Each structure stands twice: as C-alpha cells, then as structure tokens.
C-alpha cells in the first residue's frame, strides 16, 4: 500500500471512529484495516463506544432506520449508514478536488497555497495556533518570486565572508602552535593544512556562485568538499614538482614519464572538457539525478592549490632550496638516465673516499 492510500484509509477510519460508524464497509483489506485501527487507537485514543451511542441516538431521532433495527418500518426505507457513507464519499471527493486544484496552482506558480494538504498530522486539530514568528517565516518560505536586487547586492555579502575567511586562514597558518604530542605528520604542517582547507572551501564556492550570478543563473547552488580535495591535489603536485607517480600492478618503465605535472595536467583537462561539454549548469543531469558535477568549482580548487603550493615553496624555509625535477624534463626521469645518474654518484663517492684515505696516511 502506498502512502496516499494509507493516508486515505487512516482518514476514513478516523472519520468512522468519530461518527460511530465502525460497522460500515470499507474498501480495503481486513489486514490493512486492523493495522490502521491499531495505529489510530494507540496514537489518538478516543471513546468509540460513546461515539456509537451518540450515533444511535441521532438515528433514532431521524426519519431513517438503522440496519437490522426497527423492523416494523418499511424495508424500502433508506439506511442511515448509506446516508453517512454517501456524505463521506462526497466529502472525500471535495477534498480531493481541492488538493488537485492546490497542486495545479503550485505547479503553475499562480498563487501561494495557504493551507497544507490533508495528511495524517491533520487528523488531530491543533490545540493552539502557531506563533507569529513561525507564521511569518512560513509565509516567507512559500513565496516563489525571485527578489529583485542588484548583482552587487547578491555578491557583496558572500564576498565579505570569503575575504574574512581567507584572511583568518592566513592568520591562523602564521600563528598556529601544534600540540606537544603530534600523532599526524604531513608535508606542510597542521596550520597551513587547515588554512588551505578553509580558504579553498570558501574560494571555490564563491567562484562558482559569482559565475552563476553574473550569468543570471539564480536557481542553482554548489555544495560539497570536492573543491577542497582538488586544492589538496594541486598543492601536492606543486610541492612535489617532477616526482614520478606510480600505479599498482604496473611496471616502473610504463609509468616513468608520469610525474606529478602530467597527472595535474590530465586532471585539469578532464574538468575543462566537462565544463565545455555540459556548461555551467548541467540541466539534464540535475533533472535526472537532482545534482551535477561542479567542474568550475574543481578548476577553482586546482587554482587555489597551485597558488598555495607556490606560496609555501617561496616562504616556508622547509621547502626552500629543495632540488626538484622540472615537469617536462622527461629525460631526467627515464630509467636509463636514472641508472647513469646512480653510477655517476657512486663513482664520485668512491673518489671522495679514496681521497680521504690518502690524506690520512702519514
């Protein structure tokens, strides 16, 4: 049984409980009716016997007869249960038509619906009205019109927040003091690492949001931590410039030309291709899956990471003066060149050792 049929069954059962017509026929399986009654009696207890007695009194005072009662009356008289059942059916049809009309108005955007559709929560009347501030925000949330504000008003508050986070992240990186017992070890330290996380998070989101606003795309937003991950990748590739990247189960000669620069270039090209193919707002993917990949945010993450890596290499004493291999110098990373370099270093080391031993002789 789906949700709509379940709500309809509960509403019908609750109506029969209030009216005292529990002997009426209901077009649902007995198992479902029993489960619905068990739920309603546990959640919304009431005196069903009193409702039945009140219903009998009403029937006795009316011109209709009850089934199997007042047998002296003509058998062609109308049953009171049939009258109640007919009234319930008419009421259900009216409520269904009202819900359909409200749904049509919501889809067309003609007007805001002030009354919510009938659900299980509406079976019990509210004991008190909503507070004024709740009603205010409810009415504000039901407003589907786009606010008429300028581009500056859309971007300035988020821009101030972005600048504040970046400045605070830089101050945090400069003044961070690690704990006495360090359990994690990384390349750039905990302070710069956390600063890069916070700064890349706001910069990537603000870059995407600014592009959306400037292109009048006001119904989409971005959310996620993938931009932070791309910033980490970009910073790592810059800090470890020219380092070869190996892959599991592949010999070293097949991956000798794949250094950090090649991997970074491949990842950036993938994001550019995705952006060119699907555009800023992939409406087809959003309509099908409810979300889409933010390629622009990923590119902003790579740019943030590359910039952060360059700043760390320039200002951090631990990264100054480290010998690196250039991105595109493949010859230095070939196996033959590495073997020749190793032999040359070994010969130089033997010459130095021989020179030292001759100097020590009397």
Protein backbone atom coordinates (compact mmCIF):
# COMPACT_ATOMS: atom_id res chain seq x y z
CA UNK A 1 0.00 0.00 0.00
CA UNK A 2 1.39 3.36 -1.00
CA UNK A 3 1.42 6.49 1.13
CA UNK A 4 -1.61 8.11 -0.47
CA UNK A 5 -3.83 5.04 0.01
CA UNK A 6 -2.56 4.63 3.58
CA UNK A 7 -3.44 8.22 4.45
CA UNK A 8 -6.86 7.81 2.85
CA UNK A 9 -7.52 4.64 4.87
CA UNK A 10 -6.47 6.32 8.13
CA UNK A 11 -8.64 9.36 7.38
CA UNK A 12 -11.64 7.15 6.62
CA UNK A 13 -11.15 5.05 9.74
CA UNK A 14 -10.79 8.13 11.92
CA UNK A 15 -13.98 9.55 10.45
CA UNK A 16 -15.88 6.34 11.25
CA UNK A 17 -14.48 6.38 14.78
CA UNK A 18 -15.74 9.92 15.36
CA UNK A 19 -19.13 9.26 13.75
CA UNK A 20 -19.63 5.89 15.47
CA UNK A 21 -20.00 4.03 12.17
CA UNK A 22 -17.34 1.37 12.68
CA UNK A 23 -19.70 -1.27 11.20
CA UNK A 24 -19.62 0.47 7.81
CA UNK A 25 -18.00 -1.34 4.89
CA UNK A 26 -14.55 -0.06 3.90
CA UNK A 27 -12.98 -0.92 0.54
CA UNK A 28 -9.63 -2.02 1.97
CA UNK A 29 -8.18 -5.40 3.01
CA UNK A 30 -9.06 -6.57 6.52
CA UNK A 31 -5.37 -6.76 7.43
CA UNK A 32 -4.83 -3.12 6.49
CA UNK A 33 -7.95 -2.03 8.37
CA UNK A 34 -6.81 -3.86 11.51
CA UNK A 35 -3.34 -2.30 11.30
CA UNK A 36 -4.84 1.17 10.77
CA UNK A 37 -7.19 0.83 13.75
CA UNK A 38 -4.33 -0.38 15.94
CA UNK A 39 -2.26 2.67 14.99
CA UNK A 40 -5.09 5.17 15.48
CA UNK A 41 -6.16 3.71 18.82
CA UNK A 42 -2.58 3.88 20.10
CA UNK A 43 -1.82 7.34 18.71
CA UNK A 44 -5.21 9.05 19.02
CA UNK A 45 -7.28 7.30 21.73
CA UNK A 46 -10.99 8.14 22.00
CA UNK A 47 -14.21 6.67 23.38
CA UNK A 48 -15.53 4.77 20.38
CA UNK A 49 -18.45 3.30 22.35
CA UNK A 50 -19.66 6.79 23.24
CA UNK A 51 -19.49 7.74 19.56
CA UNK A 52 -21.57 4.68 18.63
CA UNK A 53 -24.18 5.53 21.28
CA UNK A 54 -24.37 9.11 20.05
CA UNK A 55 -24.81 7.86 16.51
CA UNK A 56 -27.65 5.55 17.57
CA UNK A 57 -29.38 8.47 19.28
CA UNK A 58 -29.09 10.52 16.11
CA UNK A 59 -30.51 7.70 14.02
CA UNK A 60 -33.45 7.24 16.34
CA UNK A 61 -34.29 10.92 16.10
CA UNK A 62 -34.07 10.95 12.29
CA UNK A 63 -36.52 9.67 9.75
CA UNK A 64 -34.17 6.92 8.59
CA UNK A 65 -33.75 3.48 10.07
CA UNK A 66 -30.66 1.58 11.17
CA UNK A 67 -29.81 -1.72 9.52
CA UNK A 68 -31.45 -4.71 11.24
CA UNK A 69 -33.30 -2.35 13.65
CA UNK A 70 -36.88 -1.09 13.74
CA UNK A 71 -38.03 -3.99 11.61
CA UNK A 72 -41.61 -2.72 11.67
CA UNK A 73 -40.57 0.09 9.34
CA UNK A 74 -40.87 -0.41 5.62
CA UNK A 75 -37.98 -2.44 4.15
CA UNK A 76 -37.77 0.13 1.36
CA UNK A 77 -36.70 2.89 3.75
CA UNK A 78 -33.20 4.34 3.38
CA UNK A 79 -30.48 3.22 5.75
CA UNK A 80 -28.74 5.80 7.91
CA UNK A 81 -25.37 4.14 7.21
CA UNK A 82 -25.89 4.56 3.49
CA UNK A 83 -26.56 8.25 4.06
CA UNK A 84 -23.39 8.65 6.14
CA UNK A 85 -21.37 6.66 3.63
CA UNK A 86 -22.64 8.86 0.82
CA UNK A 87 -21.79 12.02 2.75
CA UNK A 88 -18.28 10.72 3.46
CA UNK A 89 -17.77 9.89 -0.21
CA UNK A 90 -18.92 13.36 -1.25
CA UNK A 91 -16.65 14.98 1.35
CA UNK A 92 -13.69 12.92 0.12
CA UNK A 93 -14.37 13.94 -3.47
CA UNK A 94 -14.50 17.61 -2.48
CA UNK A 95 -11.23 17.37 -0.54
CA UNK A 96 -9.53 15.53 -3.41
CA UNK A 97 -10.67 18.18 -5.89
CA UNK A 98 -9.38 20.90 -3.56
CA UNK A 99 -5.98 19.18 -3.26
CA UNK A 100 -5.74 18.77 -7.03
CA UNK A 101 -6.55 22.45 -7.52
CA UNK A 102 -3.90 23.48 -4.98
CA UNK A 103 -1.31 21.26 -6.67
CA UNK A 104 -2.14 22.82 -10.03
CA UNK A 105 -1.72 26.31 -8.58
CA UNK A 106 1.63 25.40 -7.05
CA UNK A 107 2.95 23.93 -10.31
CA UNK A 108 1.76 26.90 -12.36
CA UNK A 109 3.11 29.42 -9.84
CA UNK A 110 -0.07 31.49 -9.93
CA UNK A 111 -0.58 31.82 -6.18
CA UNK A 112 0.80 30.62 -2.87
CA UNK A 113 -1.20 27.97 -1.05
CA UNK A 114 -2.01 28.96 2.48
CA UNK A 115 -3.45 25.62 3.58
CA UNK A 116 -1.39 22.45 3.52
CA UNK A 117 -2.88 19.22 2.07
CA UNK A 118 -4.59 16.89 4.46
CA UNK A 119 -2.17 14.38 5.96
CA UNK A 120 -2.14 12.14 8.99
CA UNK A 121 -1.00 15.07 11.11
CA UNK A 122 -4.19 16.95 10.20
CA UNK A 123 -6.42 14.24 11.71
CA UNK A 124 -5.98 15.85 15.11
CA UNK A 125 -6.84 19.52 15.40
CA UNK A 126 -4.18 21.79 16.75
CA UNK A 127 -4.76 22.77 20.35
CA UNK A 128 -3.17 26.18 19.84
CA UNK A 129 -2.32 28.47 16.95
CA UNK A 130 1.19 28.89 15.56
CA UNK A 131 3.30 31.70 16.96
CA UNK A 132 3.52 34.86 14.94
CA UNK A 133 7.19 34.38 14.03
CA UNK A 134 6.51 30.86 12.76
CA UNK A 135 3.67 32.10 10.57
CA UNK A 136 5.91 34.90 9.28
CA UNK A 137 8.67 32.55 8.15
CA UNK A 138 6.15 30.05 6.74
CA UNK A 139 4.62 32.73 4.53
CA UNK A 140 8.08 33.90 3.53
CA UNK A 141 9.12 30.35 2.59
CA UNK A 142 6.03 29.93 0.38
CA UNK A 143 6.96 32.99 -1.67
CA UNK A 144 8.28 31.72 -5.02
CA UNK A 145 9.08 35.09 -6.56
CA UNK A 146 12.75 35.94 -7.17
CA UNK A 147 13.83 39.01 -5.15
CA UNK A 148 14.65 41.99 -7.33
CA UNK A 149 18.14 43.02 -6.16
CA UNK A 150 21.27 44.11 -7.98
CA UNK A 151 24.29 41.95 -8.78
CA UNK A 152 26.34 43.85 -6.20
CA UNK A 153 23.77 43.11 -3.50
CA UNK A 154 23.87 39.42 -4.40
CA UNK A 155 27.67 39.10 -4.34
CA UNK A 156 28.84 41.61 -1.74
CA UNK A 157 27.78 39.77 1.49
CA UNK A 158 29.30 36.49 0.33
CA UNK A 159 32.39 38.34 -0.91
CA UNK A 160 32.95 39.90 2.51
CA UNK A 161 32.55 36.49 4.13
CA UNK A 162 35.00 34.92 1.66
CA UNK A 163 37.65 37.60 2.24
CA UNK A 164 37.23 37.28 6.01
CA UNK A 165 37.72 33.50 5.91
CA UNK A 166 40.82 33.81 3.70
CA UNK A 167 42.38 36.47 5.96
CA UNK A 168 41.60 34.48 9.09
CA UNK A 169 43.04 31.34 7.47
CA UNK A 170 46.31 33.14 6.69
CA UNK A 171 46.49 34.46 10.25
CA UNK A 172 45.78 31.00 11.57
CA UNK A 173 48.55 29.47 9.45
CA UNK A 174 51.06 32.07 10.68
CA UNK A 175 50.17 31.81 14.37
CA UNK A 176 49.27 28.13 14.74
CA UNK A 177 51.02 26.29 17.56
CA UNK A 178 50.95 22.47 17.24
CA UNK A 179 50.20 20.31 20.31
CA UNK A 180 53.05 18.84 22.33
CA UNK A 181 52.29 15.27 21.19
CA UNK A 182 51.98 15.03 17.42
CA UNK A 183 50.21 11.99 16.05
CA UNK A 184 49.90 13.13 12.41
CA UNK A 185 52.76 14.06 10.07
CA UNK A 186 52.25 15.84 6.78
CA UNK A 187 54.25 17.90 4.36
CA UNK A 188 53.17 21.42 5.18
CA UNK A 189 52.15 21.26 8.84
CA UNK A 190 48.77 21.30 10.50
CA UNK A 191 48.31 25.06 10.49
CA UNK A 192 48.86 25.64 6.75
CA UNK A 193 46.88 22.46 6.02
CA UNK A 194 43.79 23.69 7.89
CA UNK A 195 44.22 27.17 6.42
CA UNK A 196 44.22 25.68 2.92
CA UNK A 197 41.08 23.68 3.72
CA UNK A 198 39.09 26.69 4.94
CA UNK A 199 40.36 29.09 2.26
CA UNK A 200 39.76 26.68 -0.63
CA UNK A 201 36.25 25.87 0.64
CA UNK A 202 35.05 29.48 0.51
CA UNK A 203 37.02 30.48 -2.59
CA UNK A 204 35.69 27.59 -4.69
CA UNK A 205 32.09 28.18 -3.62
CA UNK A 206 32.33 31.93 -4.14
CA UNK A 207 33.87 31.50 -7.60
CA UNK A 208 31.00 29.27 -8.71
CA UNK A 209 28.35 31.49 -7.12
CA UNK A 210 29.78 34.63 -8.71
CA UNK A 211 29.78 32.99 -12.14
CA UNK A 212 26.17 31.88 -11.67
CA UNK A 213 25.04 35.37 -10.63
CA UNK A 214 26.89 37.08 -13.48
CA UNK A 215 25.25 34.68 -15.94
CA UNK A 216 21.80 35.16 -14.33
CA UNK A 217 21.64 31.56 -13.09
CA UNK A 218 19.77 32.17 -9.84
CA UNK A 219 18.19 28.76 -9.16
CA UNK A 220 21.34 26.65 -8.66
CA UNK A 221 23.90 26.44 -5.88
CA UNK A 222 27.01 24.41 -5.11
CA UNK A 223 27.71 22.18 -2.13
CA UNK A 224 30.41 19.63 -1.32
CA UNK A 225 34.06 19.10 -0.39
CA UNK A 226 35.39 18.09 -3.81
CA UNK A 227 36.83 21.58 -4.31
CA UNK A 228 38.92 21.13 -1.17
CA UNK A 229 40.19 17.80 -2.50
CA UNK A 230 41.23 19.35 -5.82
CA UNK A 231 43.04 22.13 -3.92
CA UNK A 232 44.99 19.49 -1.97
CA UNK A 233 45.93 17.71 -5.19
CA UNK A 234 47.09 20.95 -6.81
CA UNK A 235 49.20 21.94 -3.81
CA UNK A 236 50.77 18.46 -3.55
CA UNK A 237 51.69 18.43 -7.26
CA UNK A 238 53.38 21.85 -6.99
CA UNK A 239 55.28 20.98 -3.82
CA UNK A 240 56.50 17.67 -5.27
CA UNK A 241 57.31 19.03 -8.70
CA UNK A 242 58.54 16.41 -11.12
CA UNK A 243 58.12 13.46 -8.76
CA UNK A 244 57.16 10.29 -10.69
CA UNK A 245 53.75 8.82 -9.97
CA UNK A 246 53.49 5.03 -9.84
CA UNK A 247 50.40 2.87 -10.19
CA UNK A 248 49.76 -0.51 -8.60
CA UNK A 249 50.46 -3.62 -10.71
CA UNK A 250 52.22 -1.61 -13.43
CA UNK A 251 55.99 -1.84 -14.07
CA UNK A 252 58.06 1.28 -13.46
CA UNK A 253 59.08 1.58 -17.12
CA UNK A 254 55.46 2.13 -18.13
CA UNK A 255 54.90 4.93 -15.62
CA UNK A 256 58.32 6.57 -15.68
CA UNK A 257 57.06 9.54 -17.74
CA UNK A 258 54.03 10.12 -15.48
CA UNK A 259 55.16 12.70 -13.00
CA UNK A 260 53.09 15.00 -10.82
CA UNK A 261 52.87 17.63 -13.57
CA UNK A 262 51.42 15.20 -16.13
CA UNK A 263 48.84 13.94 -13.65
CA UNK A 264 47.84 17.50 -12.72
CA UNK A 265 47.52 18.46 -16.40
CA UNK A 266 45.32 15.41 -17.10
CA UNK A 267 43.00 16.21 -14.20
CA UNK A 268 42.66 19.86 -15.24
CA UNK A 269 41.92 18.84 -18.84
CA UNK A 270 39.17 16.50 -17.64
CA UNK A 271 37.47 19.36 -15.80
CA UNK A 272 37.83 21.72 -18.78
CA UNK A 273 36.32 19.12 -21.13
CA UNK A 274 33.42 18.58 -18.73
CA UNK A 275 32.82 22.32 -18.46
CA UNK A 276 32.90 22.78 -22.23
CA UNK A 277 30.58 19.83 -22.84
CA UNK A 278 27.94 20.34 -20.15
CA UNK A 279 28.24 24.08 -19.47
CA UNK A 280 27.98 25.88 -16.16
CA UNK A 281 24.61 24.33 -15.28
CA UNK A 282 24.08 20.73 -16.42
CA UNK A 283 20.30 20.92 -16.52
CA UNK A 284 19.90 17.39 -17.91
CA UNK A 285 21.84 15.81 -15.04
CA UNK A 286 20.05 17.99 -12.46
CA UNK A 287 16.65 16.99 -13.85
CA UNK A 288 17.57 13.28 -13.83
CA UNK A 289 19.66 12.91 -10.67
CA UNK A 290 18.93 16.12 -8.74
CA UNK A 291 22.56 17.28 -8.89
CA UNK A 292 25.51 17.66 -11.24
CA UNK A 293 29.31 17.94 -11.07
CA UNK A 294 30.64 21.45 -10.41
CA UNK A 295 33.53 21.49 -12.90
CA UNK A 296 34.11 25.22 -12.39
CA UNK A 297 34.49 24.69 -8.64
CA UNK A 298 37.01 21.92 -9.27
CA UNK A 299 39.06 24.19 -11.51
CA UNK A 300 38.96 26.90 -8.85
CA UNK A 301 40.20 24.30 -6.36
CA UNK A 302 43.16 23.41 -8.57
CA UNK A 303 43.99 27.12 -8.97
CA UNK A 304 43.79 27.65 -5.21
CA UNK A 305 46.01 24.64 -4.52
CA UNK A 306 48.60 25.61 -7.11
CA UNK A 307 48.76 29.14 -5.68
CA UNK A 308 49.05 27.81 -2.12
CA UNK A 309 51.81 25.38 -3.14
CA UNK A 310 53.78 28.17 -4.79
CA UNK A 311 53.44 30.38 -1.69
CA UNK A 312 54.60 27.57 0.59
CA UNK A 313 57.63 26.86 -1.61
CA UNK A 314 58.54 30.53 -1.56
CA UNK A 315 58.05 31.41 2.11
CA UNK A 316 58.38 28.16 4.09
CA UNK A 317 62.06 27.52 5.00
CA UNK A 318 61.45 23.77 4.94
CA UNK A 319 60.65 23.89 1.23
CA UNK A 320 63.25 26.43 0.10
CA UNK A 321 66.31 25.14 -1.70
CA UNK A 322 64.94 21.61 -2.29
CA UNK A 323 66.22 20.07 -5.52
CA UNK A 324 63.38 19.35 -7.90
CA UNK A 325 62.95 17.99 -11.38
CA UNK A 326 61.03 20.10 -13.84
CA UNK A 327 57.64 18.95 -15.03
CA UNK A 328 58.53 18.45 -18.66
CA UNK A 329 62.10 17.14 -18.33
CA UNK A 330 61.22 13.54 -19.15
CA UNK A 331 64.80 12.58 -19.99
CA UNK A 332 65.87 13.07 -16.38
CA UNK A 333 63.10 10.73 -15.25
CA UNK A 334 63.85 7.90 -17.72
CA UNK A 335 65.23 4.61 -16.31
CA UNK A 336 68.46 4.87 -18.33
CA UNK A 337 69.13 8.39 -17.10
CA UNK A 338 68.39 7.39 -13.52
CA UNK A 339 70.77 4.40 -13.80
CA UNK A 340 73.53 6.57 -15.32
CA UNK A 341 73.00 9.19 -12.61
CA UNK A 342 73.27 6.50 -9.92
CA UNK A 343 76.55 5.16 -11.36
CA UNK A 344 77.96 8.68 -11.61
CA UNK A 345 77.12 9.39 -7.98
CA UNK A 346 78.63 6.06 -6.91
CA UNK A 347 81.89 6.83 -8.78
CA UNK A 348 82.05 10.30 -7.21
CA UNK A 349 81.51 8.83 -3.76
CA UNK A 350 84.35 6.28 -4.30
CA UNK A 351 86.71 9.02 -5.45
CA UNK A 352 85.95 11.08 -2.33
CA UNK A 353 86.55 8.08 -0.08
CA UNK A 354 89.92 7.33 -1.82
CA UNK A 355 90.98 10.97 -1.47
CA UNK A 356 90.14 10.95 2.24
CA UNK A 357 92.13 7.76 2.87
CA UNK A 358 95.21 9.16 1.10
CA UNK A 359 95.02 12.33 3.15
CA UNK A 360 95.01 10.37 6.42
CA UNK A 361 98.27 8.49 5.59
CA UNK A 362 101.45 9.89 7.32
